[in-house]
Amino acid sequence: MHNIHDQRLLIIDFGSQYTQLIARRVRESGVYCEIHPFDVPDEFVEALAPRGIILSGGPETVTAGTTPRISQAILDLGVPVLGICYGMQTLAEQLGGEVMGSDLREFGHAQVVGAEPSDLLPALGVFPGKGSDVWMSHGDKVTRLPDGFVVTASTESAPIAAMENTARHLYGVQFHPEVTHTAQGKALLHHFARDICGCDGDWTAANIVEDAIQRVREQVGDDHVVLGLSGGVDSSVVAALLARAIGDQLTCIFVDNGLLRLAERDEVEAAFAPESGIGNVLPLNIKTIAAETEFMERLAGEAEPEAKRKIIGNTFIDVFEREAKALPGVKWLAQGTIYPDVIESAASKYGKAHVIKSHHNVGGLPERMELGLVEPLRELFKDEVREIGLHLGLPRSLVFRHPFPGPGLGVRILGEVRTEYAQTLRQADAIFIEELRAADLYDQVSQAFAVYLPVKSVGVVGDARRYEHVIALRAVETVDFMTARSARLPYEFIEKVSNRIINEIASVSRVVYDISSKPPATIEWE
């Protein structure tokens, strides 16, 4: 079998909120792909030698002269190109067609109907005179085709909803095939990647694992590796992968910072214990460090969110560095960095990303510790990480556990962090999660947690007045964590959780439910 990275697609990012979704759909079809910004150097594109290129949508308009364009190197490669939304518009405009602002912005469901025969659209169930439901989101539209192109589909408000030049393997669609609202959109991207671009589909969990094991062994040789194990899916999958690759050359350090979920330390130790769980299949050296006092002392009196994140991150580095240096022969640090972390960090080079909150995974430790960096998940999306976790034998309950922020409860306690606040929040969060599981709702939401608010509220419990803090419940539904909406949990369920929290935790007087969407809110409160 050839290298699983040899057959690749390049996704050019013009700033669409759906760009990562395009990549995930391509990966789901068994084809490796990479996302790079529109202004990536021509030499890089040529060296990458992709089998095909997908141009994403974007918020700009090609009717303005200074907006992003496709580099000539992409058009000169001679490989199939698929432009989506803005990608189609700039492809049309740069090849001599015309794009104009539309009086009617088309957003939401639309019926696209086939026109001329197409190489691409039959995968969507679209043929001349036969249509399918798609998802539109655009203001401009192509009004004149470049030479050599034909119209392959139309909608009521977009006469040119799809175009192609079969001889040059150039395709454009005004709709978004990557979103679930486009019926058979996934099949269209599969057809483009596998059939039109000629990729074999070797990007599978089994092949990814074998490739990662081989690369880790080549990278570290006989050296020792240290990993900060948190119990989250990313670090757990790294632990399992490295245990498979290098066995007892790996030591995992689990830092109990006093900001973990209820019984989390016990769960992690049990899950990776030698006599049971994962450790029974994959032997792991785990060292647990009780560091609650150190974290709480440094956090005392600090209420500003970004300052708290930095204190927690720096304290973790201090503790981890101290413990790692006590281990003999460690030359490498393993991290659970995943592909969205890499994309987010790289974007700032091009001036397109603002720091909304600091990220705990990319950067920090290696510079201080003078260790090489091992990041076996660096190319993978979260759903791929979960898939290889299952392939490696990790329990489903761990692999599909909701995300937990690096600073832990430190960013779910608004304002100053205190030990007693953390204890209260832990209990409230545990009740919420327990009830979600009991009602079979846990796997139906993407992330759920409780938040401790720095305000007090009057309540009456029995005949006594209670003046205590407020707990907020947060549950969201999302595909990619870039956008999210609040989960529509039943009122009876929320009421039951609220009653349990107030009745069982004396330091809580009131419970509220957060119905904010992302954007404008973030998923976490801090």
Protein backbone atom coordinates (compact mmCIF):
# COMPACT_ATOMS: atom_id res chain seq x y z
CA MET A 1 0.00 0.00 0.00
CA HIS A 2 1.23 3.49 -0.82
CA ASN A 3 1.69 6.13 1.89
CA ILE A 4 -1.76 7.25 3.10
CA HIS A 5 -0.70 10.89 2.64
CA ASP A 6 0.33 10.51 -1.00
CA GLN A 7 -3.18 10.87 -2.44
CA ARG A 8 -4.36 14.15 -1.01
CA LEU A 9 -6.76 16.95 -1.71
CA LEU A 10 -6.05 20.61 -0.98
CA ILE A 11 -8.83 22.75 0.45
CA ILE A 12 -8.30 26.46 -0.09
CA ASP A 13 -9.90 28.46 2.71
CA PHE A 14 -11.60 31.71 1.74
CA GLY A 15 -12.96 32.20 5.28
CA SER A 16 -16.14 30.13 5.26
CA GLN A 17 -17.47 28.92 8.60
CA TYR A 18 -17.95 25.57 6.82
CA THR A 19 -14.36 25.04 5.60
CA GLN A 20 -13.51 22.45 8.26
CA LEU A 21 -16.77 20.68 7.46
CA ILE A 22 -15.66 20.31 3.82
CA ALA A 23 -12.44 18.67 5.02
CA ARG A 24 -14.29 16.33 7.36
CA ARG A 25 -16.62 15.21 4.57
CA VAL A 26 -13.62 14.50 2.31
CA ARG A 27 -11.90 12.56 5.10
CA GLU A 28 -15.12 10.58 5.68
CA SER A 29 -14.86 9.45 2.07
CA GLY A 30 -11.47 7.92 2.91
CA VAL A 31 -9.32 10.64 1.35
CA TYR A 32 -6.66 12.68 3.16
CA CYS A 33 -6.92 16.45 2.73
CA GLU A 34 -5.35 19.60 4.13
CA ILE A 35 -6.77 23.10 4.67
CA HIS A 36 -4.60 26.08 3.75
CA PRO A 37 -5.43 29.80 3.41
CA PHE A 38 -6.05 31.35 -0.01
CA ASP A 39 -2.73 33.23 0.11
CA VAL A 40 -0.59 30.13 0.68
CA PRO A 41 2.58 30.43 -1.48
CA ASP A 42 2.52 28.95 -4.99
CA GLU A 43 5.65 26.88 -4.29
CA PHE A 44 3.86 25.21 -1.38
CA VAL A 45 0.90 24.27 -3.58
CA GLU A 46 3.21 22.82 -6.23
CA ALA A 47 5.21 20.84 -3.64
CA LEU A 48 2.02 19.52 -2.03
CA ALA A 49 1.05 18.03 -5.42
CA PRO A 50 -2.64 17.48 -4.58
CA ARG A 51 -4.84 15.15 -6.65
CA GLY A 52 -7.56 17.79 -6.59
CA ILE A 53 -8.47 21.15 -5.06
CA ILE A 54 -11.64 22.41 -3.38
CA LEU A 55 -12.22 26.16 -3.04
CA SER A 56 -14.30 27.00 0.04
CA GLY A 57 -16.99 29.61 0.41
CA GLY A 58 -16.29 32.88 2.17
CA PRO A 59 -17.80 36.12 3.47
CA GLU A 60 -16.26 38.42 0.84
CA THR A 61 -17.56 39.53 -2.56
CA VAL A 62 -15.62 39.07 -5.82
CA THR A 63 -17.26 42.27 -7.11
CA ALA A 64 -14.67 44.21 -5.06
CA GLY A 65 -11.12 44.34 -6.39
CA THR A 66 -9.19 43.69 -3.18
CA THR A 67 -10.94 40.51 -2.02
CA PRO A 68 -9.28 37.04 -2.04
CA ARG A 69 -8.54 35.31 -5.33
CA ILE A 70 -7.20 31.94 -6.47
CA SER A 71 -3.47 31.87 -7.17
CA GLN A 72 -2.41 31.12 -10.74
CA ALA A 73 -0.48 28.08 -9.50
CA ILE A 74 -3.75 26.38 -8.58
CA LEU A 75 -5.25 26.97 -12.00
CA ASP A 76 -2.02 25.79 -13.69
CA LEU A 77 -1.75 22.47 -11.83
CA GLY A 78 -4.14 20.75 -14.21
CA VAL A 79 -5.92 18.80 -11.45
CA PRO A 80 -9.70 18.80 -10.85
CA VAL A 81 -10.97 21.93 -9.05
CA LEU A 82 -14.32 22.28 -7.27
CA GLY A 83 -15.41 25.79 -6.29
CA ILE A 84 -18.10 26.09 -3.61
CA CYS A 85 -20.12 29.33 -3.29
CA TYR A 86 -17.46 32.10 -3.15
CA GLY A 87 -15.03 29.53 -4.59
CA MET A 88 -17.29 29.14 -7.63
CA GLN A 89 -17.70 32.88 -8.01
CA THR A 90 -13.99 33.69 -7.96
CA LEU A 91 -13.29 30.75 -10.30
CA ALA A 92 -15.85 32.15 -12.76
CA GLU A 93 -14.60 35.72 -12.46
CA GLN A 94 -10.90 34.87 -12.79
CA LEU A 95 -11.50 32.73 -15.88
CA GLY A 96 -13.36 35.54 -17.69
CA GLY A 97 -16.93 35.12 -16.52
CA GLU A 98 -18.99 37.71 -14.68
CA VAL A 99 -20.29 37.91 -11.11
CA MET A 100 -22.80 40.47 -9.91
CA GLY A 101 -24.39 41.40 -6.62
CA SER A 102 -27.90 39.98 -6.38
CA ASP A 103 -30.99 41.94 -5.38
CA LEU A 104 -32.18 38.85 -3.56
CA ARG A 105 -29.90 37.15 -1.02
CA GLU A 106 -30.51 33.41 -1.13
CA PHE A 107 -30.17 31.78 2.28
CA GLY A 108 -31.52 28.41 3.36
CA HIS A 109 -33.14 25.51 1.54
CA ALA A 110 -33.47 25.66 -2.24
CA GLN A 111 -34.40 23.28 -5.03
CA VAL A 112 -31.61 22.89 -7.57
CA VAL A 113 -32.66 21.44 -10.95
CA GLY A 114 -30.30 19.90 -13.51
CA ALA A 115 -29.66 21.61 -16.86
CA GLU A 116 -26.88 20.26 -19.11
CA PRO A 117 -25.48 16.74 -18.44
CA SER A 118 -22.85 16.80 -15.69
CA ASP A 119 -19.91 14.69 -14.49
CA LEU A 120 -20.42 15.91 -10.91
CA LEU A 121 -24.12 16.33 -10.14
CA PRO A 122 -25.49 12.80 -10.68
CA ALA A 123 -23.93 11.96 -7.28
CA LEU A 124 -26.34 14.54 -5.87
CA GLY A 125 -29.28 12.91 -7.67
CA VAL A 126 -29.41 15.88 -10.06
CA PHE A 127 -29.89 15.22 -13.81
CA PRO A 128 -31.30 17.40 -16.62
CA GLY A 129 -34.84 18.23 -15.52
CA LYS A 130 -34.45 16.40 -12.18
CA GLY A 131 -33.72 18.25 -8.94
CA SER A 132 -32.65 17.91 -5.32
CA ASP A 133 -32.74 19.94 -2.09
CA VAL A 134 -29.61 21.97 -1.32
CA TRP A 135 -28.48 24.63 1.17
CA MET A 136 -27.74 28.11 -0.16
CA SER A 137 -25.97 31.01 1.53
CA HIS A 138 -24.94 33.78 -0.87
CA GLY A 139 -25.58 37.35 -1.95
CA ASP A 140 -23.66 37.46 -5.28
CA LYS A 141 -24.25 35.21 -8.28
CA VAL A 142 -22.50 34.22 -11.49
CA THR A 143 -24.23 36.00 -14.39
CA ARG A 144 -21.96 35.02 -17.31
CA LEU A 145 -19.97 31.81 -17.72
CA PRO A 146 -16.28 31.72 -18.65
CA ASP A 147 -15.44 30.20 -22.04
CA GLY A 148 -15.68 26.40 -22.14
CA PHE A 149 -18.18 26.12 -19.24
CA VAL A 150 -21.81 24.98 -19.33
CA VAL A 151 -24.63 25.52 -16.82
CA THR A 152 -25.36 22.18 -15.13
CA ALA A 153 -28.01 23.31 -12.60
CA SER A 154 -30.26 26.25 -11.70
CA THR A 155 -32.50 27.45 -8.89
CA GLU A 156 -35.38 29.92 -9.10
CA SER A 157 -33.19 32.85 -8.08
CA ALA A 158 -29.80 31.61 -9.41
CA PRO A 159 -29.93 30.66 -13.12
CA ILE A 160 -26.29 29.51 -12.82
CA ALA A 161 -26.34 27.40 -9.64
CA ALA A 162 -23.71 24.96 -10.94
CA MET A 163 -21.23 25.06 -13.80
CA GLU A 164 -18.49 22.90 -15.21
CA ASN A 165 -15.80 22.63 -17.83
CA THR A 166 -15.51 18.87 -18.27
CA ALA A 167 -12.42 19.05 -20.50
CA ARG A 168 -10.45 20.90 -17.79
CA HIS A 169 -12.16 19.14 -14.84
CA LEU A 170 -13.26 22.49 -13.40
CA TYR A 171 -16.51 22.54 -11.42
CA GLY A 172 -18.48 25.14 -9.49
CA VAL A 173 -21.55 24.86 -7.26
CA GLN A 174 -23.34 27.82 -5.69
CA PHE A 175 -24.76 25.68 -2.88
CA HIS A 176 -22.96 24.06 0.09
CA PRO A 177 -22.64 20.27 -0.36
CA GLU A 178 -20.73 19.95 2.92
CA VAL A 179 -23.67 20.78 5.21
CA THR A 180 -26.21 18.14 6.25
CA HIS A 181 -29.05 20.32 4.89
CA THR A 182 -27.91 19.49 1.33
CA ALA A 183 -29.42 16.08 0.56
CA GLN A 184 -26.70 13.78 -0.85
CA GLY A 185 -24.08 16.54 -0.47
CA LYS A 186 -21.72 14.06 1.18
CA ALA A 187 -22.13 11.74 -1.83
CA LEU A 188 -21.18 14.61 -4.17
CA LEU A 189 -17.93 15.27 -2.27
CA HIS A 190 -17.22 11.52 -2.14
CA HIS A 191 -17.69 11.32 -5.92
CA PHE A 192 -15.40 14.31 -6.49
CA ALA A 193 -12.64 13.01 -4.21
CA ARG A 194 -12.74 9.34 -5.16
CA ASP A 195 -13.94 9.21 -8.78
CA ILE A 196 -13.07 12.56 -10.35
CA CYS A 197 -9.76 13.02 -8.47
CA GLY A 198 -8.93 9.29 -8.57
CA CYS A 199 -8.16 8.71 -4.88
CA ASP A 200 -8.34 5.15 -3.52
CA GLY A 201 -9.83 5.77 -0.07
CA ASP A 202 -6.92 4.59 2.11
CA TRP A 203 -7.62 7.13 4.86
CA THR A 204 -9.16 4.66 7.36
CA ALA A 205 -8.86 4.26 11.14
CA ALA A 206 -6.73 1.11 10.81
CA ASN A 207 -4.34 2.75 8.32
CA ILE A 208 -4.12 5.99 10.34
CA VAL A 209 -3.17 4.02 13.47
CA GLU A 210 -0.52 1.95 11.69
CA ASP A 211 0.93 5.05 10.02
CA ALA A 212 1.01 6.96 13.34
CA ILE A 213 2.71 4.07 15.15
CA GLN A 214 5.37 3.83 12.46
CA ARG A 215 6.02 7.58 12.50
CA VAL A 216 6.24 7.74 16.32
CA ARG A 217 8.75 4.86 16.37
CA GLU A 218 10.86 6.56 13.71
CA GLN A 219 10.68 9.89 15.55
CA VAL A 220 11.57 8.83 19.10
CA GLY A 221 13.66 5.67 18.58
CA ASP A 222 14.66 4.29 21.99
CA ASP A 223 14.09 7.58 23.85
CA HIS A 224 11.56 8.08 26.64
CA VAL A 225 8.40 10.15 26.23
CA VAL A 226 6.27 11.98 28.82
CA LEU A 227 2.57 12.78 28.38
CA GLY A 228 0.19 14.91 30.42
CA LEU A 229 -2.83 12.62 30.79
CA SER A 230 -6.07 14.46 31.56
CA GLY A 231 -8.67 11.75 31.02
CA GLY A 232 -10.10 13.66 28.06
CA VAL A 233 -10.42 11.89 24.73
CA ASP A 234 -7.39 13.52 23.04
CA SER A 235 -4.80 12.73 25.71
CA SER A 236 -6.33 9.28 26.30
CA VAL A 237 -6.06 8.39 22.60
CA VAL A 238 -2.46 9.68 22.52
CA ALA A 239 -1.70 7.49 25.56
CA ALA A 240 -3.23 4.41 23.93
CA LEU A 241 -1.49 5.09 20.61
CA LEU A 242 1.93 5.66 22.20
CA ALA A 243 1.52 2.62 24.45
CA ARG A 244 0.95 0.58 21.28
CA ALA A 245 3.94 2.22 19.57
CA ILE A 246 6.61 2.40 22.30
CA GLY A 247 5.28 0.54 25.36
CA ASP A 248 7.12 1.32 28.58
CA GLN A 249 9.13 4.14 26.99
CA LEU A 250 6.04 6.25 27.80
CA THR A 251 5.26 7.77 31.20
CA CYS A 252 1.93 9.55 31.75
CA ILE A 253 1.63 12.31 34.35
CA PHE A 254 -1.85 13.03 35.68
CA VAL A 255 -2.03 16.37 37.53
CA ASP A 256 -4.92 16.76 39.96
CA ASN A 257 -5.26 20.54 40.00
CA GLY A 258 -8.37 20.67 42.20
CA LEU A 259 -10.40 21.80 39.17
CA LEU A 260 -11.45 18.39 37.89
CA ARG A 261 -14.94 16.92 37.66
CA LEU A 262 -16.33 14.79 40.49
CA ALA A 263 -14.33 11.56 41.00
CA GLU A 264 -12.36 12.27 37.81
CA ARG A 265 -9.03 11.29 39.34
CA ASP A 266 -10.45 7.94 40.47
CA GLU A 267 -12.01 7.33 37.04
CA VAL A 268 -8.77 8.03 35.15
CA GLU A 269 -6.70 5.85 37.48
CA ALA A 270 -9.26 3.04 37.17
CA ALA A 271 -9.55 3.34 33.38
CA PHE A 272 -5.79 3.03 32.88
CA ALA A 273 -5.06 0.65 35.78
CA PRO A 274 -2.83 -2.36 34.94
CA GLU A 275 -5.30 -4.90 36.30
CA SER A 276 -8.35 -3.54 34.48
CA GLY A 277 -9.53 -1.24 31.74
CA ILE A 278 -7.13 -0.01 29.07
CA GLY A 279 -4.02 -0.83 31.07
CA ASN A 280 -4.90 -4.50 30.85
CA VAL A 281 -4.48 -4.35 27.05
CA LEU A 282 -1.95 -1.52 26.78
CA PRO A 283 0.47 -1.27 29.72
CA LEU A 284 0.82 2.33 30.91
CA ASN A 285 3.10 3.97 33.46
CA ILE A 286 0.97 6.61 35.24
CA LYS A 287 2.17 9.03 37.90
CA THR A 288 -0.58 11.00 39.71
CA ILE A 289 0.34 14.36 41.25
CA ALA A 290 -1.87 15.98 43.92
CA ALA A 291 -1.40 19.71 43.26
CA GLU A 292 -4.69 21.32 44.35
CA THR A 293 -3.07 23.50 47.04
CA GLU A 294 -0.50 24.94 44.63
CA PHE A 295 -3.17 25.85 42.03
CA MET A 296 -5.57 27.38 44.54
CA GLU A 297 -2.88 29.50 46.19
CA ARG A 298 -1.87 30.99 42.82
CA LEU A 299 -5.49 31.63 41.82
CA ALA A 300 -6.43 33.37 45.07
CA GLY A 301 -8.00 36.79 44.46
CA GLU A 302 -7.90 36.60 40.63
CA ALA A 303 -11.23 37.13 38.83
CA GLU A 304 -10.24 38.07 35.26
CA PRO A 305 -10.88 35.14 32.85
CA GLU A 306 -7.77 35.35 30.68
CA ALA A 307 -5.56 35.90 33.74
CA LYS A 308 -7.06 32.78 35.35
CA ARG A 309 -6.38 30.74 32.21
CA LYS A 310 -2.77 31.89 32.19
CA ILE A 311 -2.28 31.14 35.91
CA ILE A 312 -3.74 27.65 35.52
CA GLY A 313 -1.71 27.01 32.36
CA ASN A 314 1.54 28.28 33.87
CA THR A 315 1.02 26.38 37.11
CA PHE A 316 0.37 23.20 35.15
CA ILE A 317 3.60 23.79 33.23
CA ASP A 318 5.52 24.30 36.50
CA VAL A 319 4.13 21.15 38.10
CA PHE A 320 4.45 19.06 34.96
CA GLU A 321 7.99 20.29 34.25
CA ARG A 322 9.07 19.55 37.81
CA GLU A 323 7.70 16.00 37.67
CA ALA A 324 8.94 15.30 34.14
CA LYS A 325 12.48 16.41 35.00
CA ALA A 326 12.51 13.87 37.83
CA LEU A 327 12.02 11.08 35.27
CA PRO A 328 15.24 9.63 33.82
CA GLY A 329 15.99 9.84 30.10
CA VAL A 330 12.94 11.79 28.91
CA LYS A 331 13.64 13.44 25.54
CA TRP A 332 10.13 13.95 24.16
CA LEU A 333 6.85 15.51 25.20
CA ALA A 334 3.63 14.07 23.76
CA GLN A 335 0.61 16.33 23.31
CA GLY A 336 -2.99 15.80 22.18
CA THR A 337 -2.92 18.64 19.64
CA ILE A 338 -5.56 18.02 16.94
CA TYR A 339 -6.05 19.55 13.50
CA PRO A 340 -8.50 22.36 14.46
CA ASP A 341 -5.91 23.58 17.03
CA VAL A 342 -3.31 23.72 14.25
CA ILE A 343 -5.64 25.54 11.83
CA GLU A 344 -6.67 28.04 14.53
CA SER A 345 -3.05 28.79 15.45
CA ALA A 346 -1.86 29.02 11.83
CA ALA A 347 -4.66 31.38 10.82
CA SER A 348 -3.25 34.21 12.92
CA LYS A 349 -0.16 34.32 10.66
CA TYR A 350 -2.40 35.61 7.90
CA GLY A 351 -4.09 38.18 10.10
CA LYS A 352 -7.54 36.59 9.86
CA ALA A 353 -8.04 35.30 13.40
CA HIS A 354 -8.57 37.16 16.64
CA VAL A 355 -7.60 35.61 19.97
CA ILE A 356 -10.95 35.00 21.65
CA LYS A 357 -9.31 32.99 24.43
CA SER A 358 -5.87 31.46 24.74
CA HIS A 359 -5.51 27.82 23.72
CA HIS A 360 -3.88 25.40 26.12
CA ASN A 361 -2.56 22.84 23.64
CA VAL A 362 -0.40 24.66 21.10
CA GLY A 363 2.86 26.02 22.46
CA GLY A 364 4.09 26.59 26.02
CA LEU A 365 5.84 23.50 27.31
CA PRO A 366 8.45 22.49 24.71
CA GLU A 367 10.29 25.84 24.72
CA ARG A 368 10.77 25.70 28.49
CA MET A 369 11.51 22.02 28.83
CA GLU A 370 13.82 21.66 25.83
CA LEU A 371 12.00 18.49 24.78
CA GLY A 372 11.05 17.37 21.30
CA LEU A 373 7.34 17.38 20.55
CA VAL A 374 5.34 14.27 19.64
CA GLU A 375 1.86 15.08 18.30
CA PRO A 376 0.40 11.93 16.72
CA LEU A 377 -3.12 13.43 16.41
CA ARG A 378 -1.98 16.67 14.78
CA GLU A 379 -3.62 15.86 11.42
CA LEU A 380 -6.90 14.58 12.83
CA PHE A 381 -10.32 16.08 13.47
CA LYS A 382 -12.09 15.22 16.73
CA ASP A 383 -14.39 12.66 15.09
CA GLU A 384 -11.33 10.92 13.61
CA VAL A 385 -9.65 10.90 17.04
CA ARG A 386 -12.72 9.20 18.48
CA GLU A 387 -12.77 6.67 15.66
CA ILE A 388 -9.17 5.61 16.21
CA GLY A 389 -9.77 5.59 19.99
CA LEU A 390 -12.44 2.93 19.47
CA HIS A 391 -10.13 1.11 17.06
CA LEU A 392 -7.44 1.04 19.78
CA GLY A 393 -9.91 -0.48 22.26
CA LEU A 394 -10.73 2.51 24.45
CA PRO A 395 -14.16 2.32 26.13
CA ARG A 396 -16.96 4.16 24.31
CA SER A 397 -17.85 6.07 27.51
CA LEU A 398 -14.37 7.64 27.48
CA VAL A 399 -14.14 8.19 23.73
CA PHE A 400 -17.50 9.99 23.54
CA ARG A 401 -17.16 11.96 26.75
CA HIS A 402 -18.07 15.61 26.35
CA PRO A 403 -15.18 18.07 25.92
CA PHE A 404 -13.68 19.55 29.08
CA PRO A 405 -11.60 22.77 28.95
CA GLY A 406 -7.88 22.66 29.71
CA PRO A 407 -8.28 25.02 32.71
CA GLY A 408 -11.08 22.76 33.98
CA LEU A 409 -13.59 24.21 36.43
CA GLY A 410 -11.38 27.30 36.69
CA VAL A 411 -13.24 28.82 33.72
CA ARG A 412 -16.64 27.52 34.85
CA ILE A 413 -16.36 29.33 38.19
CA LEU A 414 -16.96 32.94 37.17
CA GLY A 415 -14.88 35.40 39.11
CA GLU A 416 -12.51 34.26 41.85
CA VAL A 417 -11.80 30.53 42.14
CA ARG A 418 -12.07 29.05 45.62
CA THR A 419 -11.93 25.46 46.84
CA GLU A 420 -15.46 25.60 48.25
CA TYR A 421 -16.81 26.99 44.95
CA ALA A 422 -15.14 24.13 43.06
CA GLN A 423 -16.68 21.59 45.45
CA THR A 424 -20.16 23.04 44.92
CA LEU A 425 -19.76 23.18 41.14
CA ARG A 426 -18.44 19.62 41.00
CA GLN A 427 -21.54 18.33 42.78
CA ALA A 428 -23.95 20.36 40.61
CA ASP A 429 -22.20 19.28 37.41
CA ALA A 430 -22.27 15.62 38.48
CA ILE A 431 -26.04 15.80 39.12
CA PHE A 432 -26.62 17.36 35.69
CA ILE A 433 -24.53 14.73 33.87
CA GLU A 434 -26.04 11.88 35.89
CA GLU A 435 -29.56 12.98 34.97
CA LEU A 436 -28.62 13.46 31.29
CA ARG A 437 -27.36 9.88 31.18
CA ALA A 438 -30.41 8.55 33.05
CA ALA A 439 -32.75 10.31 30.58
CA ASP A 440 -30.71 9.05 27.58
CA LEU A 441 -29.93 12.65 26.64
CA TYR A 442 -26.15 12.69 27.20
CA ASP A 443 -25.23 11.48 23.71
CA GLN A 444 -27.90 13.67 22.10
CA VAL A 445 -26.12 16.87 23.18
CA SER A 446 -22.58 17.77 22.16
CA GLN A 447 -21.48 19.32 25.45
CA ALA A 448 -23.18 19.89 28.80
CA PHE A 449 -21.94 21.34 32.07
CA ALA A 450 -22.75 23.54 35.04
CA VAL A 451 -21.37 27.04 35.71
CA TYR A 452 -20.88 28.72 39.12
CA LEU A 453 -22.06 32.35 39.09
CA PRO A 454 -20.53 34.98 41.42
CA VAL A 455 -23.92 36.36 42.41
CA LYS A 456 -26.17 35.45 45.31
CA SER A 457 -29.91 34.94 45.18
CA VAL A 458 -32.60 34.57 47.84
CA GLY A 459 -34.34 31.23 48.10
CA VAL A 460 -36.60 29.44 50.58
CA VAL A 461 -35.83 25.87 51.55
CA GLY A 462 -38.35 24.43 53.99
CA ASP A 463 -39.29 27.45 56.08
CA ALA A 464 -35.79 28.89 56.06
CA ARG A 465 -34.46 31.74 53.95
CA ARG A 466 -31.40 30.80 51.90
CA TYR A 467 -29.13 33.47 50.39
CA GLU A 468 -26.64 31.55 48.27
CA HIS A 469 -25.02 31.33 44.85
CA VAL A 470 -26.59 30.58 41.47
CA ILE A 471 -25.77 27.65 39.17
CA ALA A 472 -26.26 27.95 35.40
CA LEU A 473 -26.75 24.87 33.25
CA ARG A 474 -25.36 24.86 29.71
CA ALA A 475 -26.04 22.24 27.02
CA VAL A 476 -25.33 22.75 23.32
CA GLU A 477 -25.84 21.00 20.01
CA THR A 478 -23.12 21.43 17.40
CA VAL A 479 -21.41 19.67 14.51
CA ASP A 480 -18.01 21.35 14.62
CA PHE A 481 -17.95 23.48 17.84
CA MET A 482 -17.41 26.52 15.59
CA THR A 483 -21.11 27.30 15.79
CA ALA A 484 -23.58 25.89 18.31
CA ARG A 485 -27.12 26.34 19.57
CA SER A 486 -28.50 25.67 23.04
CA ALA A 487 -29.94 22.18 23.38
CA ARG A 488 -33.74 22.06 23.50
CA LEU A 489 -33.91 19.99 26.68
CA PRO A 490 -37.42 19.23 28.02
CA TYR A 491 -38.62 21.67 30.69
CA GLU A 492 -39.56 18.76 32.96
CA PHE A 493 -35.98 17.49 32.74
CA ILE A 494 -34.41 20.88 33.53
CA GLU A 495 -36.84 21.30 36.43
CA LYS A 496 -35.85 17.90 37.83
CA VAL A 497 -32.13 18.77 37.63
CA SER A 498 -32.78 22.17 39.24
CA ASN A 499 -34.72 20.61 42.13
CA ARG A 500 -32.01 18.06 42.78
CA ILE A 501 -29.21 20.65 42.77
CA ILE A 502 -31.03 23.04 45.14
CA ASN A 503 -32.22 20.27 47.46
CA GLU A 504 -28.91 18.39 47.61
CA ILE A 505 -26.45 21.30 47.70
CA ALA A 506 -26.95 23.74 50.56
CA SER A 507 -24.75 26.42 48.98
CA VAL A 508 -27.04 26.87 45.94
CA SER A 509 -30.31 28.82 45.99
CA ARG A 510 -31.21 29.04 42.30
CA VAL A 511 -30.60 27.30 38.95
CA VAL A 512 -30.88 28.94 35.50
CA TYR A 513 -30.57 27.53 31.95
CA ASP A 514 -28.38 29.23 29.32
CA ILE A 515 -30.11 29.56 25.94
CA SER A 516 -27.37 31.57 24.14
CA SER A 517 -26.12 30.44 20.73
CA LYS A 518 -22.53 30.53 19.45
CA PRO A 519 -22.01 33.09 18.02
CA PRO A 520 -22.45 35.59 19.58
CA ALA A 521 -21.80 33.74 22.86
CA THR A 522 -19.01 31.18 23.27
CA ILE A 523 -19.80 27.68 24.50
CA GLU A 524 -17.84 28.13 27.73
CA TRP A 525 -18.72 31.21 29.82
CA GLU A 526 -15.09 32.30 30.14
